[in-house]
C-alpha atoms as a PDB file:
ATOM      1  CA  MET A   1       0.141  -0.066  -0.558  1.00  0.00           C
ATOM      2  CA  TYR A   2       1.339   3.399  -0.612  1.00  0.00           C
ATOM      3  CA  GLY A   3       2.276   5.508   1.852  1.00  0.00           C
ATOM      4  CA  GLY A   4       0.846   8.935   0.753  1.00  0.00           C
ATOM      5  CA  ILE A   5       0.896  11.727  -2.242  1.00  0.00           C
ATOM      6  CA  LYS A   6       4.565  11.691  -2.269  1.00  0.00           C
ATOM      7  CA  GLU A   7       5.470   8.158  -2.801  1.00  0.00           C
ATOM      8  CA  ARG A   8       2.191   7.660  -5.315  1.00  0.00           C
ATOM      9  CA  GLN A   9       4.242  10.982  -7.027  1.00  0.00           C
ATOM     10  CA  LYS A  10       7.356   8.845  -7.379  1.00  0.00           C
ATOM     11  CA  ASP A  11       5.803   6.125  -8.501  1.00  0.00           C
ATOM     12  CA  CYS A  12       4.510   8.149 -11.469  1.00  0.00           C
ATOM     13  CA  ASP A  13       7.651   9.884 -11.919  1.00  0.00           C
ATOM     14  CA  ALA A  14       9.485   6.672 -12.351  1.00  0.00           C
ATOM     15  CA  SER A  15       6.902   5.170 -14.823  1.00  0.00           C
ATOM     16  CA  LYS A  16       7.939   7.970 -17.026  1.00  0.00           C
ATOM     17  CA  THR A  17      10.503   7.027 -19.848  1.00  0.00           C
ATOM     18  CA  LYS A  18      12.340   8.712 -22.571  1.00  0.00           C
ATOM     19  CA  PRO A  19      11.337   8.005 -26.226  1.00  0.00           C
ATOM     20  CA  GLU A  20      14.118   6.751 -28.343  1.00  0.00           C
ATOM     21  CA  SER A  21      14.700   9.485 -29.777  1.00  0.00           C
ATOM     22  CA  GLY A  22      16.615  10.955 -26.315  1.00  0.00           C
ATOM     23  CA  ARG A  23      14.116  13.714 -25.487  1.00  0.00           C
ATOM     24  CA  PHE A  24      11.675  13.760 -23.203  1.00  0.00           C
ATOM     25  CA  GLU A  25       8.274  15.060 -24.175  1.00  0.00           C
ATOM     26  CA  GLU A  26       5.692  15.866 -21.732  1.00  0.00           C
ATOM     27  CA  GLU A  27       1.728  15.247 -22.200  1.00  0.00           C
ATOM     28  CA  LYS A  28       0.603  18.294 -23.609  1.00  0.00           C
ATOM     29  CA  PRO A  29      -2.768  19.705 -22.367  1.00  0.00           C
ATOM     30  CA  MET A  30      -5.878  18.471 -24.308  1.00  0.00           C
ATOM     31  CA  ILE A  31      -6.973  21.516 -26.490  1.00  0.00           C
ATOM     32  CA  ARG A  32     -11.064  22.413 -25.922  1.00  0.00           C
ATOM     33  CA  ARG A  33     -12.503  22.359 -29.494  1.00  0.00           C
ATOM     34  CA  LYS A  34     -14.828  25.281 -29.810  1.00  0.00           C
ATOM     35  CA  ASP A  35     -17.274  23.549 -32.416  1.00  0.00           C
ATOM     36  CA  LEU A  36     -18.478  20.992 -30.095  1.00  0.00           C
ATOM     37  CA  VAL A  37     -20.407  21.658 -27.612  1.00  0.00           C
ATOM     38  CA  ASP A  38     -20.743  20.108 -23.645  1.00  0.00           C
ATOM     39  CA  ILE A  39     -24.017  19.169 -22.234  1.00  0.00           C
ATOM     40  CA  GLY A  40     -23.993  22.375 -19.670  1.00  0.00           C
ATOM     41  CA  ASP A  41     -23.238  25.333 -22.322  1.00  0.00           C
ATOM     42  CA  ALA A  42     -25.952  27.747 -23.565  1.00  0.00           C
ATOM     43  CA  ASP A  43     -26.390  26.668 -27.116  1.00  0.00           C
ATOM     44  CA  TYR A  44     -27.398  22.956 -26.379  1.00  0.00           C
ATOM     45  CA  ASP A  45     -30.687  23.788 -27.093  1.00  0.00           C
ATOM     46  CA  THR A  46     -29.918  24.949 -30.346  1.00  0.00           C
ATOM     47  CA  ARG A  47     -27.681  22.107 -31.448  1.00  0.00           C
ATOM     48  CA  ARG A  48     -29.579  19.520 -30.074  1.00  0.00           C
ATOM     49  CA  ASP A  49     -31.423  18.814 -33.150  1.00  0.00           C
ATOM     50  CA  GLU A  50     -28.557  17.778 -35.228  1.00  0.00           C
ATOM     51  CA  PHE A  51     -28.095  14.496 -36.909  1.00  0.00           C
ATOM     52  CA  MET A  52     -25.904  12.801 -38.962  1.00  0.00           C
ATOM     53  CA  GLN A  53     -27.169  12.238 -42.688  1.00  0.00           C
ATOM     54  CA  CYS A  54     -25.489  10.448 -46.108  1.00  0.00           C
ATOM     55  CA  LEU A  55     -24.922  12.702 -49.005  1.00  0.00           C
ATOM     56  CA  ASP A  56     -24.699  10.000 -51.262  1.00  0.00           C
ATOM     57  CA  CYS A  57     -28.357   8.325 -50.471  1.00  0.00           C
ATOM     58  CA  GLY A  58     -30.042  10.791 -48.168  1.00  0.00           C
ATOM     59  CA  GLU A  59     -30.277   8.485 -44.841  1.00  0.00           C
ATOM     60  CA  GLU A  60     -30.502  10.141 -41.317  1.00  0.00           C
ATOM     61  CA  PHE A  61     -29.082   8.366 -38.391  1.00  0.00           C
ATOM     62  CA  SER A  62     -28.174   9.897 -35.310  1.00  0.00           C
ATOM     63  CA  GLY A  63     -25.294  10.968 -34.418  1.00  0.00           C
ATOM     64  CA  THR A  64     -23.679  13.569 -32.130  1.00  0.00           C
ATOM     65  CA  GLN A  65     -20.921  16.255 -33.098  1.00  0.00           C
ATOM     66  CA  GLY A  66     -18.568  14.086 -31.191  1.00  0.00           C
ATOM     67  CA  ASP A  67     -19.006  11.098 -33.607  1.00  0.00           C
ATOM     68  CA  PHE A  68     -18.957  13.600 -36.519  1.00  0.00           C
ATOM     69  CA  PHE A  69     -15.450  15.096 -35.808  1.00  0.00           C
ATOM     70  CA  MET A  70     -13.879  11.650 -34.857  1.00  0.00           C
ATOM     71  CA  THR A  71     -14.677  10.385 -38.345  1.00  0.00           C
ATOM     72  CA  HIS A  72     -12.136  13.258 -39.506  1.00  0.00           C
ATOM     73  CA  MET A  73      -9.484  11.941 -36.972  1.00  0.00           C
ATOM     74  CA  GLU A  74      -9.414   8.640 -36.317  1.00  0.00           C
ATOM     75  CA  ALA A  75     -12.226   6.293 -36.721  1.00  0.00           C
ATOM     76  CA  THR A  76     -14.766   5.609 -39.928  1.00  0.00           C
ATOM     77  CA  MET A  77     -18.183   6.194 -40.102  1.00  0.00           C
ATOM     78  CA  ASP A  78     -20.196   4.313 -42.722  1.00  0.00           C
ATOM     79  CA  CYS A  79     -24.138   4.666 -43.401  1.00  0.00           C
ATOM     80  CA  PRO A  80     -26.290   2.407 -42.586  1.00  0.00           C
ATOM     81  CA  ASN A  81     -27.758   1.799 -45.766  1.00  0.00           C
ATOM     82  CA  CYS A  82     -25.331   2.014 -48.434  1.00  0.00           C
ATOM     83  CA  GLU A  83     -22.343   2.035 -46.921  1.00  0.00           C
ATOM     84  CA  SER A  84     -20.856   5.116 -47.800  1.00  0.00           C
ATOM     85  CA  GLU A  85     -18.529   7.247 -45.571  1.00  0.00           C
ATOM     86  CA  ASN A  86     -19.592  10.606 -46.931  1.00  0.00           C
ATOM     87  CA  ILE A  87     -21.704  12.097 -44.011  1.00  0.00           C
ATOM     88  CA  ALA A  88     -22.596  15.536 -43.059  1.00  0.00           C
ATOM     89  CA  LEU A  89     -23.875  16.728 -39.383  1.00  0.00           C
ATOM     90  CA  VAL A  90     -27.248  18.563 -40.671  1.00  0.00           C
ATOM     91  CA  ARG A  91     -29.626  20.167 -38.783  1.00  0.00           C
ATOM     92  CA  LYS A  92     -33.504  20.726 -40.227  1.00  0.00           C
ATOM     93  CA  VAL A  93     -34.059  24.460 -40.236  1.00  0.00           C
ATOM     94  CA  CYS A  94     -38.071  25.428 -40.729  1.00  0.00           C
ATOM     95  CA  LYS A  95     -39.033  28.865 -41.807  1.00  0.00           C
ATOM     96  CA  ASN A  96     -42.473  30.002 -41.278  1.00  0.00           C
ATOM     97  CA  VAL A  97     -43.614  32.202 -44.255  1.00  0.00           C
ATOM     98  CA  ILE A  98     -46.855  34.597 -43.592  1.00  0.00           C
ATOM     99  CA  ILE A  99     -48.922  33.991 -46.188  1.00  0.00           C
ATOM    100  CA  LYS A 100     -51.341  36.764 -45.183  1.00  0.00           C
ATOM    101  CA  GLN A 101     -51.120  39.755 -42.751  1.00  0.00           C
END
């Protein structure tokens, strides 16, 4: 069992090793992307109606901004209908037109 915080810190420091290049690289802090929205953000209500849509066949399926932006970084996402990777993050916009005033 650990003796305290200092002991844990020593173990953490000892587990860090230098890469093969010989330089020690510290982990960089994560940068919060401004285009992604947390649940607690003020504009969550305006973005909650967003979903993903295949641009080839028009199939609409659920997905979040996190899912969509992950497709450009690591993961690939296919359309469940036609298996295309041409996917967009969309939101339906309704426009009210005054017919008679």
